[in-house]
Amino acid sequence: MGYVADMRFAEADKNSGYLIEAYGREGIQIDGRRYGQGLALSPQRIIAPWGPPSPAEFATEHLETLLTLAPQVMVLGTGTHQVFPDPAVYCDVLSRGIGVEIMDTGAACRTYNILVSEGRRVVAGLLPC
Protein backbone atom coordinates (compact mmCIF):
# COMPACT_ATOMS: atom_id res chain seq x y z
CA MET A 1 0.00 0.00 0.00
CA GLY A 2 2.96 2.34 0.24
CA TYR A 3 2.54 3.57 3.81
CA VAL A 4 5.77 5.54 3.93
CA ALA A 5 6.47 6.89 7.43
CA ASP A 6 2.97 5.89 8.46
CA MET A 7 1.72 3.22 10.82
CA ARG A 8 0.95 -0.48 10.50
CA PHE A 9 -0.39 -2.43 13.45
CA ALA A 10 1.09 -5.80 14.32
CA GLU A 11 -0.86 -8.78 15.59
CA ALA A 12 -4.32 -7.24 15.70
CA ASP A 13 -6.88 -9.65 17.19
CA LYS A 14 -9.63 -9.70 14.60
CA ASN A 15 -11.92 -11.74 16.88
CA SER A 16 -12.93 -8.45 18.52
CA GLY A 17 -14.45 -7.11 15.30
CA TYR A 18 -13.19 -4.59 12.77
CA LEU A 19 -9.75 -3.26 13.68
CA ILE A 20 -7.57 -0.75 11.91
CA GLU A 21 -4.60 -2.51 10.34
CA ALA A 22 -2.79 0.57 9.00
CA TYR A 23 -3.27 4.27 8.37
CA GLY A 24 -1.47 7.01 6.52
CA ARG A 25 -1.71 9.53 3.72
CA GLU A 26 -3.12 6.89 1.38
CA GLY A 27 -5.99 6.00 3.68
CA ILE A 28 -7.05 3.69 6.46
CA GLN A 29 -6.79 -0.06 6.03
CA ILE A 30 -9.39 -2.31 7.63
CA ASP A 31 -9.75 -6.02 6.92
CA GLY A 32 -7.38 -5.74 3.95
CA ARG A 33 -9.32 -2.90 2.30
CA ARG A 34 -8.09 0.68 2.04
CA TYR A 35 -10.48 3.59 2.60
CA GLY A 36 -9.26 6.90 1.19
CA GLN A 37 -12.17 8.99 2.47
CA GLY A 38 -13.67 9.70 5.87
CA LEU A 39 -15.39 6.77 7.53
CA ALA A 40 -17.34 5.75 10.60
CA LEU A 41 -16.24 2.54 12.25
CA SER A 42 -17.45 0.26 15.01
CA PRO A 43 -16.36 -3.30 15.71
CA GLN A 44 -19.40 -4.52 13.74
CA ARG A 45 -19.85 -1.92 11.00
CA ILE A 46 -18.07 0.37 8.54
CA ILE A 47 -19.87 3.37 7.04
CA ALA A 48 -17.99 4.96 4.15
CA PRO A 49 -17.95 7.63 3.02
CA TRP A 50 -18.69 9.55 6.21
CA GLY A 51 -17.95 12.96 7.61
CA PRO A 52 -17.40 16.53 6.56
CA PRO A 53 -14.93 17.64 3.88
CA SER A 54 -12.78 19.25 6.59
CA PRO A 55 -12.66 19.13 10.42
CA ALA A 56 -13.86 22.73 10.65
CA GLU A 57 -17.13 21.61 9.03
CA PHE A 58 -18.12 19.00 11.63
CA ALA A 59 -21.87 19.25 12.23
CA THR A 60 -24.37 17.55 14.51
CA GLU A 61 -25.59 15.26 11.71
CA HIS A 62 -22.13 13.70 11.40
CA LEU A 63 -22.25 12.66 15.05
CA GLU A 64 -25.86 11.50 14.73
CA THR A 65 -24.62 8.84 12.29
CA LEU A 66 -22.11 7.68 14.90
CA LEU A 67 -24.81 7.57 17.58
CA THR A 68 -26.78 5.03 15.52
CA LEU A 69 -23.95 2.59 16.31
CA ALA A 70 -24.76 2.76 20.08
CA PRO A 71 -21.34 3.71 21.48
CA GLN A 72 -20.14 4.16 25.06
CA VAL A 73 -17.23 6.17 23.67
CA MET A 74 -16.92 8.19 20.47
CA VAL A 75 -13.45 8.81 19.03
CA LEU A 76 -13.12 11.55 16.41
CA GLY A 77 -10.04 11.66 14.19
CA THR A 78 -9.69 15.11 12.65
CA GLY A 79 -7.00 14.44 10.05
CA THR A 80 -3.32 15.29 10.33
CA HIS A 81 -3.85 17.69 13.24
CA GLN A 82 -6.15 17.76 16.24
CA VAL A 83 -8.96 20.21 15.49
CA PHE A 84 -11.75 20.76 18.00
CA PRO A 85 -15.21 21.24 16.51
CA ASP A 86 -17.55 23.82 18.00
CA PRO A 87 -18.62 22.37 21.39
CA ALA A 88 -22.27 22.81 20.36
CA VAL A 89 -21.68 20.01 17.81
CA TYR A 90 -20.88 17.39 20.46
CA CYS A 91 -22.70 18.81 23.52
CA ASP A 92 -25.74 16.56 22.91
CA VAL A 93 -23.50 13.47 22.78
CA LEU A 94 -21.93 14.38 26.13
CA SER A 95 -25.37 15.02 27.68
CA ARG A 96 -26.27 11.39 26.83
CA GLY A 97 -23.37 10.15 28.96
CA ILE A 98 -21.27 9.14 25.95
CA GLY A 99 -17.59 10.02 26.10
CA VAL A 100 -16.15 12.03 23.22
CA GLU A 101 -12.43 12.01 22.47
CA ILE A 102 -11.09 14.34 19.77
CA MET A 103 -7.60 13.80 18.37
CA ASP A 104 -5.61 13.60 15.16
CA THR A 105 -6.54 10.59 13.03
CA GLY A 106 -3.38 8.61 13.83
CA ALA A 107 -4.04 8.84 17.56
CA ALA A 108 -7.73 8.08 16.97
CA CYS A 109 -6.85 4.89 15.06
CA ARG A 110 -4.60 3.68 17.88
CA THR A 111 -7.14 4.60 20.56
CA TYR A 112 -9.98 2.88 18.68
CA ASN A 113 -8.02 -0.39 18.47
CA ILE A 114 -7.16 -0.28 22.18
CA LEU A 115 -10.77 0.35 23.18
CA VAL A 116 -12.01 -2.48 20.93
CA SER A 117 -9.46 -4.86 22.45
CA GLU A 118 -10.77 -3.88 25.91
CA GLY A 119 -14.29 -4.84 24.83
CA ARG A 120 -15.61 -1.28 24.93
CA ARG A 121 -18.54 -0.18 22.74
CA VAL A 122 -16.53 2.33 20.73
CA VAL A 123 -17.23 4.08 17.47
CA ALA A 124 -14.70 6.11 15.51
CA GLY A 125 -15.35 8.90 13.05
CA LEU A 126 -12.14 9.23 11.06
CA LEU A 127 -11.19 11.92 8.56
CA PRO A 128 -8.27 11.27 6.17
CA CYS A 129 -4.72 12.20 7.14
C-alpha atoms as a PDB file:
ATOM      1  CA  MET A   1       0.000   0.000   0.000  1.00  0.00           C
ATOM      2  CA  GLY A   2       2.957   2.339   0.242  1.00  0.00           C
ATOM      3  CA  TYR A   3       2.537   3.569   3.808  1.00  0.00           C
ATOM      4  CA  VAL A   4       5.775   5.540   3.929  1.00  0.00           C
ATOM      5  CA  ALA A   5       6.471   6.894   7.434  1.00  0.00           C
ATOM      6  CA  ASP A   6       2.966   5.893   8.455  1.00  0.00           C
ATOM      7  CA  MET A   7       1.715   3.217  10.818  1.00  0.00           C
ATOM      8  CA  ARG A   8       0.945  -0.482  10.500  1.00  0.00           C
ATOM      9  CA  PHE A   9      -0.393  -2.434  13.449  1.00  0.00           C
ATOM     10  CA  ALA A  10       1.093  -5.803  14.323  1.00  0.00           C
ATOM     11  CA  GLU A  11      -0.856  -8.785  15.591  1.00  0.00           C
ATOM     12  CA  ALA A  12      -4.323  -7.241  15.700  1.00  0.00           C
ATOM     13  CA  ASP A  13      -6.876  -9.653  17.195  1.00  0.00           C
ATOM     14  CA  LYS A  14      -9.633  -9.695  14.600  1.00  0.00           C
ATOM     15  CA  ASN A  15     -11.920 -11.738  16.878  1.00  0.00           C
ATOM     16  CA  SER A  16     -12.932  -8.447  18.523  1.00  0.00           C
ATOM     17  CA  GLY A  17     -14.451  -7.108  15.296  1.00  0.00           C
ATOM     18  CA  TYR A  18     -13.188  -4.585  12.769  1.00  0.00           C
ATOM     19  CA  LEU A  19      -9.753  -3.265  13.679  1.00  0.00           C
ATOM     20  CA  ILE A  20      -7.570  -0.747  11.907  1.00  0.00           C
ATOM     21  CA  GLU A  21      -4.605  -2.511  10.336  1.00  0.00           C
ATOM     22  CA  ALA A  22      -2.791   0.567   9.000  1.00  0.00           C
ATOM     23  CA  TYR A  23      -3.271   4.268   8.372  1.00  0.00           C
ATOM     24  CA  GLY A  24      -1.468   7.009   6.521  1.00  0.00           C
ATOM     25  CA  ARG A  25      -1.714   9.532   3.718  1.00  0.00           C
ATOM     26  CA  GLU A  26      -3.120   6.886   1.381  1.00  0.00           C
ATOM     27  CA  GLY A  27      -5.991   6.005   3.684  1.00  0.00           C
ATOM     28  CA  ILE A  28      -7.049   3.685   6.464  1.00  0.00           C
ATOM     29  CA  GLN A  29      -6.786  -0.064   6.026  1.00  0.00           C
ATOM     30  CA  ILE A  30      -9.393  -2.315   7.629  1.00  0.00           C
ATOM     31  CA  ASP A  31      -9.751  -6.023   6.921  1.00  0.00           C
ATOM     32  CA  GLY A  32      -7.378  -5.738   3.950  1.00  0.00           C
ATOM     33  CA  ARG A  33      -9.320  -2.897   2.304  1.00  0.00           C
ATOM     34  CA  ARG A  34      -8.089   0.677   2.042  1.00  0.00           C
ATOM     35  CA  TYR A  35     -10.483   3.595   2.597  1.00  0.00           C
ATOM     36  CA  GLY A  36      -9.264   6.902   1.188  1.00  0.00           C
ATOM     37  CA  GLN A  37     -12.172   8.987   2.466  1.00  0.00           C
ATOM     38  CA  GLY A  38     -13.674   9.699   5.868  1.00  0.00           C
ATOM     39  CA  LEU A  39     -15.388   6.766   7.528  1.00  0.00           C
ATOM     40  CA  ALA A  40     -17.338   5.752  10.596  1.00  0.00           C
ATOM     41  CA  LEU A  41     -16.242   2.541  12.253  1.00  0.00           C
ATOM     42  CA  SER A  42     -17.454   0.257  15.006  1.00  0.00           C
ATOM     43  CA  PRO A  43     -16.359  -3.304  15.713  1.00  0.00           C
ATOM     44  CA  GLN A  44     -19.402  -4.519  13.743  1.00  0.00           C
ATOM     45  CA  ARG A  45     -19.852  -1.925  10.995  1.00  0.00           C
ATOM     46  CA  ILE A  46     -18.075   0.373   8.536  1.00  0.00           C
ATOM     47  CA  ILE A  47     -19.868   3.372   7.039  1.00  0.00           C
ATOM     48  CA  ALA A  48     -17.994   4.960   4.147  1.00  0.00           C
ATOM     49  CA  PRO A  49     -17.949   7.632   3.015  1.00  0.00           C
ATOM     50  CA  TRP A  50     -18.693   9.546   6.213  1.00  0.00           C
ATOM     51  CA  GLY A  51     -17.955  12.958   7.614  1.00  0.00           C
ATOM     52  CA  PRO A  52     -17.404  16.529   6.562  1.00  0.00           C
ATOM     53  CA  PRO A  53     -14.932  17.645   3.879  1.00  0.00           C
ATOM     54  CA  SER A  54     -12.779  19.249   6.589  1.00  0.00           C
ATOM     55  CA  PRO A  55     -12.656  19.133  10.415  1.00  0.00           C
ATOM     56  CA  ALA A  56     -13.860  22.730  10.646  1.00  0.00           C
ATOM     57  CA  GLU A  57     -17.129  21.615   9.035  1.00  0.00           C
ATOM     58  CA  PHE A  58     -18.121  19.000  11.629  1.00  0.00           C
ATOM     59  CA  ALA A  59     -21.873  19.251  12.228  1.00  0.00           C
ATOM     60  CA  THR A  60     -24.367  17.546  14.512  1.00  0.00           C
ATOM     61  CA  GLU A  61     -25.592  15.257  11.705  1.00  0.00           C
ATOM     62  CA  HIS A  62     -22.128  13.704  11.397  1.00  0.00           C
ATOM     63  CA  LEU A  63     -22.250  12.664  15.047  1.00  0.00           C
ATOM     64  CA  GLU A  64     -25.860  11.497  14.727  1.00  0.00           C
ATOM     65  CA  THR A  65     -24.622   8.837  12.295  1.00  0.00           C
ATOM     66  CA  LEU A  66     -22.114   7.685  14.902  1.00  0.00           C
ATOM     67  CA  LEU A  67     -24.812   7.571  17.582  1.00  0.00           C
ATOM     68  CA  THR A  68     -26.785   5.034  15.524  1.00  0.00           C
ATOM     69  CA  LEU A  69     -23.946   2.587  16.308  1.00  0.00           C
ATOM     70  CA  ALA A  70     -24.765   2.764  20.079  1.00  0.00           C
ATOM     71  CA  PRO A  71     -21.337   3.706  21.480  1.00  0.00           C
ATOM     72  CA  GLN A  72     -20.144   4.159  25.055  1.00  0.00           C
ATOM     73  CA  VAL A  73     -17.229   6.169  23.671  1.00  0.00           C
ATOM     74  CA  MET A  74     -16.919   8.187  20.470  1.00  0.00           C
ATOM     75  CA  VAL A  75     -13.449   8.812  19.030  1.00  0.00           C
ATOM     76  CA  LEU A  76     -13.124  11.553  16.407  1.00  0.00           C
ATOM     77  CA  GLY A  77     -10.044  11.659  14.191  1.00  0.00           C
ATOM     78  CA  THR A  78      -9.690  15.110  12.649  1.00  0.00           C
ATOM     79  CA  GLY A  79      -6.997  14.439  10.047  1.00  0.00           C
ATOM     80  CA  THR A  80      -3.323  15.286  10.326  1.00  0.00           C
ATOM     81  CA  HIS A  81      -3.849  17.694  13.241  1.00  0.00           C
ATOM     82  CA  GLN A  82      -6.154  17.757  16.236  1.00  0.00           C
ATOM     83  CA  VAL A  83      -8.964  20.213  15.489  1.00  0.00           C
ATOM     84  CA  PHE A  84     -11.751  20.756  18.002  1.00  0.00           C
ATOM     85  CA  PRO A  85     -15.213  21.238  16.514  1.00  0.00           C
ATOM     86  CA  ASP A  86     -17.554  23.816  17.999  1.00  0.00           C
ATOM     87  CA  PRO A  87     -18.620  22.368  21.389  1.00  0.00           C
ATOM     88  CA  ALA A  88     -22.272  22.805  20.356  1.00  0.00           C
ATOM     89  CA  VAL A  89     -21.684  20.007  17.808  1.00  0.00           C
ATOM     90  CA  TYR A  90     -20.885  17.385  20.462  1.00  0.00           C
ATOM     91  CA  CYS A  91     -22.697  18.811  23.521  1.00  0.00           C
ATOM     92  CA  ASP A  92     -25.738  16.556  22.914  1.00  0.00           C
ATOM     93  CA  VAL A  93     -23.495  13.474  22.775  1.00  0.00           C
ATOM     94  CA  LEU A  94     -21.935  14.376  26.131  1.00  0.00           C
ATOM     95  CA  SER A  95     -25.367  15.018  27.676  1.00  0.00           C
ATOM     96  CA  ARG A  96     -26.272  11.392  26.833  1.00  0.00           C
ATOM     97  CA  GLY A  97     -23.370  10.154  28.956  1.00  0.00           C
ATOM     98  CA  ILE A  98     -21.265   9.142  25.952  1.00  0.00           C
ATOM     99  CA  GLY A  99     -17.590  10.016  26.098  1.00  0.00           C
ATOM    100  CA  VAL A 100     -16.147  12.033  23.220  1.00  0.00           C
ATOM    101  CA  GLU A 101     -12.427  12.006  22.474  1.00  0.00           C
ATOM    102  CA  ILE A 102     -11.091  14.341  19.765  1.00  0.00           C
ATOM    103  CA  MET A 103      -7.599  13.801  18.366  1.00  0.00           C
ATOM    104  CA  ASP A 104      -5.609  13.601  15.155  1.00  0.00           C
ATOM    105  CA  THR A 105      -6.541  10.591  13.025  1.00  0.00           C
ATOM    106  CA  GLY A 106      -3.385   8.608  13.831  1.00  0.00           C
ATOM    107  CA  ALA A 107      -4.044   8.840  17.565  1.00  0.00           C
ATOM    108  CA  ALA A 108      -7.732   8.082  16.965  1.00  0.00           C
ATOM    109  CA  CYS A 109      -6.849   4.886  15.057  1.00  0.00           C
ATOM    110  CA  ARG A 110      -4.598   3.677  17.879  1.00  0.00           C
ATOM    111  CA  THR A 111      -7.142   4.604  20.555  1.00  0.00           C
ATOM    112  CA  TYR A 112      -9.982   2.882  18.683  1.00  0.00           C
ATOM    113  CA  ASN A 113      -8.015  -0.391  18.467  1.00  0.00           C
ATOM    114  CA  ILE A 114      -7.161  -0.280  22.175  1.00  0.00           C
ATOM    115  CA  LEU A 115     -10.773   0.346  23.180  1.00  0.00           C
ATOM    116  CA  VAL A 116     -12.014  -2.475  20.934  1.00  0.00           C
ATOM    117  CA  SER A 117      -9.456  -4.859  22.449  1.00  0.00           C
ATOM    118  CA  GLU A 118     -10.770  -3.879  25.910  1.00  0.00           C
ATOM    119  CA  GLY A 119     -14.291  -4.837  24.826  1.00  0.00           C
ATOM    120  CA  ARG A 120     -15.612  -1.278  24.929  1.00  0.00           C
ATOM    121  CA  ARG A 121     -18.538  -0.182  22.739  1.00  0.00           C
ATOM    122  CA  VAL A 122     -16.533   2.332  20.733  1.00  0.00           C
ATOM    123  CA  VAL A 123     -17.228   4.084  17.467  1.00  0.00           C
ATOM    124  CA  ALA A 124     -14.704   6.108  15.508  1.00  0.00           C
ATOM    125  CA  GLY A 125     -15.347   8.896  13.050  1.00  0.00           C
ATOM    126  CA  LEU A 126     -12.142   9.231  11.059  1.00  0.00           C
ATOM    127  CA  LEU A 127     -11.186  11.916   8.563  1.00  0.00           C
ATOM    128  CA  PRO A 128      -8.274  11.270   6.167  1.00  0.00           C
ATOM    129  CA  CYS A 129      -4.718  12.204   7.140  1.00  0.00           C
END
